[in-house]
PDB file of N, CA and C in Angstrom:
ATOM      1  N   UNK A   1      -6.400 -21.851 -19.466  1.00  0.00           N
ATOM      2  CA  UNK A   1      -6.993 -20.667 -18.937  1.00  0.00           C
ATOM      3  C   UNK A   1      -8.019 -20.671 -19.033  1.00  0.00           C
ATOM      4  N   UNK A   2      -8.791 -20.235 -17.461  1.00  0.00           N
ATOM      5  CA  UNK A   2     -10.173 -20.162 -17.271  1.00  0.00           C
ATOM      6  C   UNK A   2     -11.105 -19.415 -17.577  1.00  0.00           C
ATOM      7  N   UNK A   3     -12.238 -19.624 -17.914  1.00  0.00           N
ATOM      8  CA  UNK A   3     -13.555 -18.763 -18.464  1.00  0.00           C
ATOM      9  C   UNK A   3     -14.028 -18.193 -17.194  1.00  0.00           C
ATOM     10  N   UNK A   4     -14.604 -16.713 -17.476  1.00  0.00           N
ATOM     11  CA  UNK A   4     -15.186 -16.181 -16.200  1.00  0.00           C
ATOM     12  C   UNK A   4     -16.382 -17.440 -15.622  1.00  0.00           C
ATOM     13  N   UNK A   5     -16.418 -17.705 -14.692  1.00  0.00           N
ATOM     14  CA  UNK A   5     -17.284 -18.862 -13.813  1.00  0.00           C
ATOM     15  C   UNK A   5     -17.207 -19.662 -14.159  1.00  0.00           C
ATOM     16  N   UNK A   6     -15.804 -20.085 -14.536  1.00  0.00           N
ATOM     17  CA  UNK A   6     -15.380 -21.833 -15.010  1.00  0.00           C
ATOM     18  C   UNK A   6     -15.435 -22.593 -13.689  1.00  0.00           C
ATOM     19  N   UNK A   7     -15.504 -23.589 -13.182  1.00  0.00           N
ATOM     20  CA  UNK A   7     -14.832 -24.134 -12.002  1.00  0.00           C
ATOM     21  C   UNK A   7     -13.579 -25.083 -12.234  1.00  0.00           C
ATOM     22  N   UNK A   8     -13.172 -25.049 -11.250  1.00  0.00           N
ATOM     23  CA  UNK A   8     -11.909 -25.762 -11.040  1.00  0.00           C
ATOM     24  C   UNK A   8     -12.142 -26.843 -10.560  1.00  0.00           C
ATOM     25  N   UNK A   9     -12.148 -28.315 -11.467  1.00  0.00           N
ATOM     26  CA  UNK A   9     -12.327 -29.546 -10.818  1.00  0.00           C
ATOM     27  C   UNK A   9     -10.944 -30.489 -10.500  1.00  0.00           C
ATOM     28  N   UNK A  10     -10.028 -29.508 -10.146  1.00  0.00           N
ATOM     29  CA  UNK A  10      -8.662 -30.362 -10.201  1.00  0.00           C
ATOM     30  C   UNK A  10      -7.830 -29.979  -9.062  1.00  0.00           C
ATOM     31  N   UNK A  11      -6.486 -30.442  -8.278  1.00  0.00           N
ATOM     32  CA  UNK A  11      -6.003 -29.543  -7.028  1.00  0.00           C
ATOM     33  C   UNK A  11      -5.022 -29.047  -7.927  1.00  0.00           C
ATOM     34  N   UNK A  12      -4.982 -27.570  -7.653  1.00  0.00           N
ATOM     35  CA  UNK A  12      -4.171 -26.665  -8.200  1.00  0.00           C
ATOM     36  C   UNK A  12      -3.460 -26.009  -6.781  1.00  0.00           C
ATOM     37  N   UNK A  13      -2.292 -25.675  -7.301  1.00  0.00           N
ATOM     38  CA  UNK A  13      -1.715 -24.013  -6.299  1.00  0.00           C
ATOM     39  C   UNK A  13      -1.892 -22.787  -7.220  1.00  0.00           C
ATOM     40  N   UNK A  14      -2.535 -22.089  -6.147  1.00  0.00           N
ATOM     41  CA  UNK A  14      -2.849 -21.205  -6.925  1.00  0.00           C
ATOM     42  C   UNK A  14      -1.981 -19.558  -6.191  1.00  0.00           C
ATOM     43  N   UNK A  15      -2.033 -18.501  -6.914  1.00  0.00           N
ATOM     44  CA  UNK A  15      -1.509 -16.680  -6.272  1.00  0.00           C
ATOM     45  C   UNK A  15      -2.442 -15.825  -6.904  1.00  0.00           C
ATOM     46  N   UNK A  16      -2.201 -14.905  -6.284  1.00  0.00           N
ATOM     47  CA  UNK A  16      -3.099 -13.663  -6.436  1.00  0.00           C
ATOM     48  C   UNK A  16      -2.569 -12.382  -6.036  1.00  0.00           C
ATOM     49  N   UNK A  17      -2.293 -12.067  -7.318  1.00  0.00           N
ATOM     50  CA  UNK A  17      -1.295 -10.724  -7.510  1.00  0.00           C
ATOM     51  C   UNK A  17      -2.328  -9.839  -8.260  1.00  0.00           C
ATOM     52  N   UNK A  18      -1.758  -8.442  -8.347  1.00  0.00           N
ATOM     53  CA  UNK A  18      -2.077  -7.343  -9.018  1.00  0.00           C
ATOM     54  C   UNK A  18      -2.290  -7.833 -10.342  1.00  0.00           C
ATOM     55  N   UNK A  19      -1.258  -8.706 -10.926  1.00  0.00           N
ATOM     56  CA  UNK A  19      -1.532  -8.669 -12.545  1.00  0.00           C
ATOM     57  C   UNK A  19      -2.679  -9.756 -12.870  1.00  0.00           C
ATOM     58  N   UNK A  20      -3.433 -10.338 -11.946  1.00  0.00           N
ATOM     59  CA  UNK A  20      -4.431 -11.046 -11.727  1.00  0.00           C
ATOM     60  C   UNK A  20      -3.941 -12.756 -10.779  1.00  0.00           C
ATOM     61  N   UNK A  21      -4.602 -13.467 -11.366  1.00  0.00           N
ATOM     62  CA  UNK A  21      -4.776 -14.743 -10.398  1.00  0.00           C
ATOM     63  C   UNK A  21      -3.976 -16.041 -11.435  1.00  0.00           C
ATOM     64  N   UNK A  22      -2.884 -16.684 -10.813  1.00  0.00           N
ATOM     65  CA  UNK A  22      -2.103 -17.687 -11.703  1.00  0.00           C
ATOM     66  C   UNK A  22      -2.656 -19.195 -10.878  1.00  0.00           C
ATOM     67  N   UNK A  23      -2.939 -20.199 -11.759  1.00  0.00           N
ATOM     68  CA  UNK A  23      -3.210 -21.106 -11.197  1.00  0.00           C
ATOM     69  C   UNK A  23      -2.600 -22.160 -11.653  1.00  0.00           C
ATOM     70  N   UNK A  24      -1.993 -23.367 -11.034  1.00  0.00           N
ATOM     71  CA  UNK A  24      -0.706 -24.414 -11.317  1.00  0.00           C
ATOM     72  C   UNK A  24      -1.482 -25.765 -11.079  1.00  0.00           C
ATOM     73  N   UNK A  25      -1.734 -26.596 -12.124  1.00  0.00           N
ATOM     74  CA  UNK A  25      -2.306 -28.071 -11.624  1.00  0.00           C
ATOM     75  C   UNK A  25      -1.370 -28.825 -10.965  1.00  0.00           C
ATOM     76  N   UNK A  26      -1.223 -29.234 -10.155  1.00  0.00           N
ATOM     77  CA  UNK A  26      -0.365 -30.489  -9.471  1.00  0.00           C
ATOM     78  C   UNK A  26      -0.681 -31.525  -9.099  1.00  0.00           C
ATOM     79  N   UNK A  27      -1.909 -32.212  -9.528  1.00  0.00           N
ATOM     80  CA  UNK A  27      -2.755 -33.497  -9.038  1.00  0.00           C
ATOM     81  C   UNK A  27      -2.720 -33.537  -7.983  1.00  0.00           C
ATOM     82  N   UNK A  28      -1.987 -34.551  -7.838  1.00  0.00           N
ATOM     83  CA  UNK A  28      -1.699 -35.810  -6.143  1.00  0.00           C
ATOM     84  C   UNK A  28      -0.521 -34.743  -5.575  1.00  0.00           C
ATOM     85  N   UNK A  29      -0.223 -33.854  -6.331  1.00  0.00           N
ATOM     86  CA  UNK A  29       1.172 -33.027  -5.504  1.00  0.00           C
ATOM     87  C   UNK A  29       0.860 -32.370  -4.597  1.00  0.00           C
ATOM     88  N   UNK A  30      -0.338 -31.909  -4.485  1.00  0.00           N
ATOM     89  CA  UNK A  30      -0.969 -31.080  -3.652  1.00  0.00           C
ATOM     90  C   UNK A  30      -1.601 -31.010  -2.375  1.00  0.00           C
ATOM     91  N   UNK A  31      -0.910 -30.679  -1.218  1.00  0.00           N
ATOM     92  CA  UNK A  31      -1.634 -30.841  -0.240  1.00  0.00           C
ATOM     93  C   UNK A  31      -2.796 -29.832   0.023  1.00  0.00           C
ATOM     94  N   UNK A  32      -4.208 -30.304   0.177  1.00  0.00           N
ATOM     95  CA  UNK A  32      -4.955 -29.340   0.178  1.00  0.00           C
ATOM     96  C   UNK A  32      -5.111 -28.311   1.810  1.00  0.00           C
ATOM     97  N   UNK A  33      -4.919 -28.699   2.823  1.00  0.00           N
ATOM     98  CA  UNK A  33      -4.394 -28.604   4.005  1.00  0.00           C
ATOM     99  C   UNK A  33      -3.433 -27.185   3.561  1.00  0.00           C
ATOM    100  N   UNK A  34      -1.984 -27.693   3.267  1.00  0.00           N
ATOM    101  CA  UNK A  34      -1.206 -26.870   3.500  1.00  0.00           C
ATOM    102  C   UNK A  34      -1.700 -25.374   2.780  1.00  0.00           C
ATOM    103  N   UNK A  35      -2.281 -25.917   1.337  1.00  0.00           N
ATOM    104  CA  UNK A  35      -2.393 -24.916   0.088  1.00  0.00           C
ATOM    105  C   UNK A  35      -3.601 -23.762   1.014  1.00  0.00           C
ATOM    106  N   UNK A  36      -4.515 -24.558   1.226  1.00  0.00           N
ATOM    107  CA  UNK A  36      -5.506 -23.891   2.443  1.00  0.00           C
ATOM    108  C   UNK A  36      -5.178 -22.570   3.303  1.00  0.00           C
ATOM    109  N   UNK A  37      -4.021 -23.370   4.080  1.00  0.00           N
ATOM    110  CA  UNK A  37      -3.428 -22.446   5.296  1.00  0.00           C
ATOM    111  C   UNK A  37      -2.071 -21.343   4.645  1.00  0.00           C
ATOM    112  N   UNK A  38      -1.729 -21.626   3.234  1.00  0.00           N
ATOM    113  CA  UNK A  38      -0.819 -20.781   2.826  1.00  0.00           C
ATOM    114  C   UNK A  38      -2.071 -19.310   2.522  1.00  0.00           C
ATOM    115  N   UNK A  39      -3.154 -19.592   1.500  1.00  0.00           N
ATOM    116  CA  UNK A  39      -3.943 -18.919   1.333  1.00  0.00           C
ATOM    117  C   UNK A  39      -4.543 -18.361   2.522  1.00  0.00           C
ATOM    118  N   UNK A  40      -5.013 -18.825   3.108  1.00  0.00           N
ATOM    119  CA  UNK A  40      -5.352 -18.085   4.701  1.00  0.00           C
ATOM    120  C   UNK A  40      -4.471 -17.036   5.145  1.00  0.00           C
ATOM    121  N   UNK A  41      -3.007 -17.348   5.331  1.00  0.00           N
ATOM    122  CA  UNK A  41      -1.921 -16.897   5.453  1.00  0.00           C
ATOM    123  C   UNK A  41      -2.061 -15.235   4.333  1.00  0.00           C
ATOM    124  N   UNK A  42      -1.817 -15.872   3.259  1.00  0.00           N
ATOM    125  CA  UNK A  42      -2.454 -14.275   2.125  1.00  0.00           C
ATOM    126  C   UNK A  42      -3.513 -13.707   2.470  1.00  0.00           C
ATOM    127  N   UNK A  43      -4.508 -14.120   2.841  1.00  0.00           N
ATOM    128  CA  UNK A  43      -5.798 -13.304   3.070  1.00  0.00           C
ATOM    129  C   UNK A  43      -5.469 -12.547   4.248  1.00  0.00           C
ATOM    130  N   UNK A  44      -4.642 -13.024   4.965  1.00  0.00           N
ATOM    131  CA  UNK A  44      -4.675 -11.932   6.436  1.00  0.00           C
ATOM    132  C   UNK A  44      -3.551 -10.911   6.257  1.00  0.00           C
ATOM    133  N   UNK A  45      -3.042 -11.363   4.711  1.00  0.00           N
ATOM    134  CA  UNK A  45      -1.811 -10.237   5.054  1.00  0.00           C
ATOM    135  C   UNK A  45      -2.648  -9.145   4.519  1.00  0.00           C
ATOM    136  N   UNK A  46      -3.645  -9.437   3.475  1.00  0.00           N
ATOM    137  CA  UNK A  46      -4.356  -8.381   2.559  1.00  0.00           C
ATOM    138  C   UNK A  46      -5.300  -7.902   3.641  1.00  0.00           C
ATOM    139  N   UNK A  47      -6.128  -8.400   4.187  1.00  0.00           N
ATOM    140  CA  UNK A  47      -6.568  -7.955   5.258  1.00  0.00           C
ATOM    141  C   UNK A  47      -5.982  -6.794   6.213  1.00  0.00           C
ATOM    142  N   UNK A  48      -5.009  -7.389   6.255  1.00  0.00           N
ATOM    143  CA  UNK A  48      -3.971  -5.823   7.265  1.00  0.00           C
ATOM    144  C   UNK A  48      -3.475  -4.997   6.387  1.00  0.00           C
ATOM    145  N   UNK A  49      -3.177  -5.540   5.386  1.00  0.00           N
ATOM    146  CA  UNK A  49      -2.671  -3.773   3.995  1.00  0.00           C
ATOM    147  C   UNK A  49      -4.149  -3.389   4.052  1.00  0.00           C
ATOM    148  N   UNK A  50      -5.416  -3.905   3.655  1.00  0.00           N
ATOM    149  CA  UNK A  50      -6.623  -2.898   3.494  1.00  0.00           C
ATOM    150  C   UNK A  50      -6.579  -1.914   4.765  1.00  0.00           C
ATOM    151  N   UNK A  51      -6.404  -2.416   6.084  1.00  0.00           N
ATOM    152  CA  UNK A  51      -7.002  -1.787   7.430  1.00  0.00           C
ATOM    153  C   UNK A  51      -5.434  -0.718   7.346  1.00  0.00           C
ATOM    154  N   UNK A  52      -4.412  -1.193   7.023  1.00  0.00           N
ATOM    155  CA  UNK A  52      -3.804  -0.111   7.018  1.00  0.00           C
ATOM    156  C   UNK A  52      -3.931   1.148   6.171  1.00  0.00           C
ATOM    157  N   UNK A  53      -4.010   0.417   4.877  1.00  0.00           N
ATOM    158  CA  UNK A  53      -4.793   1.864   3.598  1.00  0.00           C
ATOM    159  C   UNK A  53      -6.106   2.535   4.356  1.00  0.00           C
ATOM    160  N   UNK A  54      -6.892   2.069   4.929  1.00  0.00           N
ATOM    161  CA  UNK A  54      -8.000   2.754   5.082  1.00  0.00           C
ATOM    162  C   UNK A  54      -7.893   3.718   6.214  1.00  0.00           C
ATOM    163  N   UNK A  55      -7.040   3.361   7.053  1.00  0.00           N
ATOM    164  CA  UNK A  55      -6.483   3.980   8.400  1.00  0.00           C
ATOM    165  C   UNK A  55      -5.629   5.395   7.276  1.00  0.00           C
ATOM    166  N   UNK A  56      -4.802   5.328   6.993  1.00  0.00           N
ATOM    167  CA  UNK A  56      -4.223   6.376   6.205  1.00  0.00           C
ATOM    168  C   UNK A  56      -5.236   7.329   5.893  1.00  0.00           C
ATOM    169  N   UNK A  57      -6.278   6.473   4.670  1.00  0.00           N
ATOM    170  CA  UNK A  57      -7.484   7.579   4.112  1.00  0.00           C
ATOM    171  C   UNK A  57      -8.076   7.756   4.644  1.00  0.00           C
ATOM    172  N   UNK A  58      -8.760   7.566   5.729  1.00  0.00           N
ATOM    173  CA  UNK A  58      -9.536   8.033   6.860  1.00  0.00           C
ATOM    174  C   UNK A  58      -8.853   9.212   7.889  1.00  0.00           C
ATOM    175  N   UNK A  59      -7.481   9.195   7.870  1.00  0.00           N
ATOM    176  CA  UNK A  59      -7.069  10.488   8.534  1.00  0.00           C
ATOM    177  C   UNK A  59      -7.010  11.494   7.880  1.00  0.00           C
ATOM    178  N   UNK A  60      -7.724  12.561   8.443  1.00  0.00           N
ATOM    179  CA  UNK A  60      -7.940  13.863   7.790  1.00  0.00           C
ATOM    180  C   UNK A  60      -6.437  14.856   7.305  1.00  0.00           C
ATOM    181  N   UNK A  61      -5.426  14.022   8.600  1.00  0.00           N
ATOM    182  CA  UNK A  61      -3.686  14.912   8.496  1.00  0.00           C
ATOM    183  C   UNK A  61      -3.445  14.394   6.721  1.00  0.00           C
ATOM    184  N   UNK A  62      -3.325  13.001   7.144  1.00  0.00           N
ATOM    185  CA  UNK A  62      -2.892  12.455   5.872  1.00  0.00           C
ATOM    186  C   UNK A  62      -3.538  12.781   4.354  1.00  0.00           C
ATOM    187  N   UNK A  63      -4.340  12.807   4.465  1.00  0.00           N
ATOM    188  CA  UNK A  63      -5.187  13.524   2.930  1.00  0.00           C
ATOM    189  C   UNK A  63      -5.132  14.895   2.852  1.00  0.00           C
ATOM    190  N   UNK A  64      -4.930  15.812   3.573  1.00  0.00           N
ATOM    191  CA  UNK A  64      -4.820  17.199   3.436  1.00  0.00           C
ATOM    192  C   UNK A  64      -3.267  17.429   3.383  1.00  0.00           C
ATOM    193  N   UNK A  65      -2.422  16.555   4.471  1.00  0.00           N
ATOM    194  CA  UNK A  65      -1.097  17.268   3.892  1.00  0.00           C
ATOM    195  C   UNK A  65      -0.309  16.645   2.752  1.00  0.00           C
ATOM    196  N   UNK A  66      -0.617  15.064   2.783  1.00  0.00           N
ATOM    197  CA  UNK A  66       0.180  14.274   1.437  1.00  0.00           C
ATOM    198  C   UNK A  66       0.273  14.879   0.163  1.00  0.00           C
ATOM    199  N   UNK A  67       0.906  14.785  -0.753  1.00  0.00           N
ATOM    200  CA  UNK A  67       0.552  15.253  -2.149  1.00  0.00           C
ATOM    201  C   UNK A  67      -0.537  14.407  -3.081  1.00  0.00           C
ATOM    202  N   UNK A  68      -1.428  15.046  -3.577  1.00  0.00           N
ATOM    203  CA  UNK A  68      -2.260  14.408  -4.465  1.00  0.00           C
ATOM    204  C   UNK A  68      -1.670  13.147  -4.735  1.00  0.00           C
ATOM    205  N   UNK A  69      -0.842  13.101  -5.734  1.00  0.00           N
ATOM    206  CA  UNK A  69      -0.419  11.863  -6.294  1.00  0.00           C
ATOM    207  C   UNK A  69      -0.080  10.458  -5.302  1.00  0.00           C
ATOM    208  N   UNK A  70       0.061  11.032  -4.164  1.00  0.00           N
ATOM    209  CA  UNK A  70       0.145   9.718  -3.055  1.00  0.00           C
ATOM    210  C   UNK A  70      -0.939   9.328  -2.716  1.00  0.00           C
ATOM    211  N   UNK A  71      -1.755  10.563  -2.257  1.00  0.00           N
ATOM    212  CA  UNK A  71      -3.106   9.867  -1.937  1.00  0.00           C
ATOM    213  C   UNK A  71      -4.341   9.001  -3.035  1.00  0.00           C
ATOM    214  N   UNK A  72      -3.762   9.534  -3.983  1.00  0.00           N
ATOM    215  CA  UNK A  72      -4.481   8.929  -5.251  1.00  0.00           C
ATOM    216  C   UNK A  72      -3.771   7.317  -5.792  1.00  0.00           C
ATOM    217  N   UNK A  73      -2.338   7.568  -4.917  1.00  0.00           N
ATOM    218  CA  UNK A  73      -1.574   6.095  -5.210  1.00  0.00           C
ATOM    219  C   UNK A  73      -2.505   4.996  -4.271  1.00  0.00           C
ATOM    220  N   UNK A  74      -2.248   5.884  -3.211  1.00  0.00           N
ATOM    221  CA  UNK A  74      -3.067   4.595  -1.840  1.00  0.00           C
ATOM    222  C   UNK A  74      -4.297   4.488  -1.794  1.00  0.00           C
ATOM    223  N   UNK A  75      -5.171   5.089  -2.877  1.00  0.00           N
ATOM    224  CA  UNK A  75      -6.389   4.975  -3.200  1.00  0.00           C
ATOM    225  C   UNK A  75      -6.568   4.014  -3.877  1.00  0.00           C
ATOM    226  N   UNK A  76      -5.774   3.641  -4.930  1.00  0.00           N
ATOM    227  CA  UNK A  76      -5.555   2.743  -6.211  1.00  0.00           C
ATOM    228  C   UNK A  76      -5.709   1.507  -5.529  1.00  0.00           C
ATOM    229  N   UNK A  77      -4.245   1.679  -5.262  1.00  0.00           N
ATOM    230  CA  UNK A  77      -3.618   0.306  -3.826  1.00  0.00           C
ATOM    231  C   UNK A  77      -4.417  -0.330  -3.191  1.00  0.00           C
ATOM    232  N   UNK A  78      -5.574   0.524  -2.933  1.00  0.00           N
ATOM    233  CA  UNK A  78      -6.270   0.104  -1.909  1.00  0.00           C
ATOM    234  C   UNK A  78      -7.550  -0.890  -2.625  1.00  0.00           C
ATOM    235  N   UNK A  79      -8.174  -0.210  -3.586  1.00  0.00           N
ATOM    236  CA  UNK A  79      -8.906  -0.977  -4.404  1.00  0.00           C
ATOM    237  C   UNK A  79      -8.341  -2.424  -4.835  1.00  0.00           C
ATOM    238  N   UNK A  80      -7.046  -2.450  -5.308  1.00  0.00           N
ATOM    239  CA  UNK A  80      -6.394  -3.590  -6.454  1.00  0.00           C
ATOM    240  C   UNK A  80      -6.408  -4.641  -5.131  1.00  0.00           C
ATOM    241  N   UNK A  81      -6.202  -3.809  -3.747  1.00  0.00           N
ATOM    242  CA  UNK A  81      -5.667  -4.938  -2.355  1.00  0.00           C
ATOM    243  C   UNK A  81      -7.535  -5.522  -2.596  1.00  0.00           C
ATOM    244  N   UNK A  82      -8.282  -4.653  -2.361  1.00  0.00           N
ATOM    245  CA  UNK A  82      -9.697  -5.640  -2.443  1.00  0.00           C
ATOM    246  C   UNK A  82     -10.298  -6.432  -3.371  1.00  0.00           C
ATOM    247  N   UNK A  83      -9.916  -5.977  -4.499  1.00  0.00           N
ATOM    248  CA  UNK A  83     -10.242  -7.090  -5.553  1.00  0.00           C
ATOM    249  C   UNK A  83      -9.326  -8.327  -5.680  1.00  0.00           C
ATOM    250  N   UNK A  84      -8.246  -7.806  -4.662  1.00  0.00           N
ATOM    251  CA  UNK A  84      -7.549  -9.144  -5.032  1.00  0.00           C
ATOM    252  C   UNK A  84      -7.577 -10.057  -3.639  1.00  0.00           C
ATOM    253  N   UNK A  85      -8.481  -9.346  -2.571  1.00  0.00           N
ATOM    254  CA  UNK A  85      -9.094 -10.105  -2.044  1.00  0.00           C
ATOM    255  C   UNK A  85     -10.438 -10.610  -2.179  1.00  0.00           C
ATOM    256  N   UNK A  86     -11.090 -10.016  -2.641  1.00  0.00           N
ATOM    257  CA  UNK A  86     -12.405 -10.925  -3.350  1.00  0.00           C
ATOM    258  C   UNK A  86     -11.948 -12.429  -3.867  1.00  0.00           C
ATOM    259  N   UNK A  87     -10.585 -12.423  -5.070  1.00  0.00           N
ATOM    260  CA  UNK A  87     -10.797 -13.128  -5.285  1.00  0.00           C
ATOM    261  C   UNK A  87      -9.857 -14.399  -4.717  1.00  0.00           C
ATOM    262  N   UNK A  88      -9.035 -13.972  -3.652  1.00  0.00           N
ATOM    263  CA  UNK A  88      -8.300 -14.753  -2.750  1.00  0.00           C
ATOM    264  C   UNK A  88      -9.941 -15.941  -2.026  1.00  0.00           C
ATOM    265  N   UNK A  89     -10.289 -15.172  -1.312  1.00  0.00           N
ATOM    266  CA  UNK A  89     -12.088 -15.610  -1.067  1.00  0.00           C
ATOM    267  C   UNK A  89     -12.846 -16.304  -1.715  1.00  0.00           C
ATOM    268  N   UNK A  90     -12.548 -16.431  -3.170  1.00  0.00           N
ATOM    269  CA  UNK A  90     -13.522 -17.475  -4.043  1.00  0.00           C
ATOM    270  C   UNK A  90     -12.365 -18.479  -3.810  1.00  0.00           C
ATOM    271  N   UNK A  91     -10.998 -18.200  -4.292  1.00  0.00           N
ATOM    272  CA  UNK A  91     -10.333 -19.556  -4.110  1.00  0.00           C
ATOM    273  C   UNK A  91     -10.433 -20.349  -2.742  1.00  0.00           C
ATOM    274  N   UNK A  92     -10.462 -19.990  -1.725  1.00  0.00           N
ATOM    275  CA  UNK A  92     -10.596 -20.429  -0.890  1.00  0.00           C
ATOM    276  C   UNK A  92     -11.689 -21.112  -0.501  1.00  0.00           C
ATOM    277  N   UNK A  93     -12.897 -20.709  -0.811  1.00  0.00           N
ATOM    278  CA  UNK A  93     -14.243 -21.456  -0.909  1.00  0.00           C
ATOM    279  C   UNK A  93     -14.221 -22.251  -1.542  1.00  0.00           C
ATOM    280  N   UNK A  94     -13.599 -22.026  -2.711  1.00  0.00           N
ATOM    281  CA  UNK A  94     -13.536 -23.144  -3.526  1.00  0.00           C
ATOM    282  C   UNK A  94     -12.731 -24.731  -3.316  1.00  0.00           C
ATOM    283  N   UNK A  95     -11.466 -24.353  -2.205  1.00  0.00           N
ATOM    284  CA  UNK A  95     -10.876 -25.009  -1.994  1.00  0.00           C
ATOM    285  C   UNK A  95     -11.613 -25.799  -0.564  1.00  0.00           C
ATOM    286  N   UNK A  96     -12.902 -25.335  -0.563  1.00  0.00           N
ATOM    287  CA  UNK A  96     -13.958 -26.197   0.839  1.00  0.00           C
ATOM    288  C   UNK A  96     -13.510 -26.079   2.171  1.00  0.00           C
TER     289      UNK A  96
END
């Protein structure tokens, strides 16, 4: 388990999801370039999802006509995705 602010000093595979971040140490088994590519693809998917949610929430027709619980769920999902994007960007930066 990593403490907040603790650096990762070994090759690992990571996953960022709503439940948190997962790190699996793999030593020499990790191809850093493939891991960077995978994380960047995941990042692009998050960016697209954030843009989609922001588009919905900035649409007065959606906000005024959709049930309040649907609007609230969309806002919550948007915030979670933004948090995941920050964590993913940090991980990508750590890989160099």
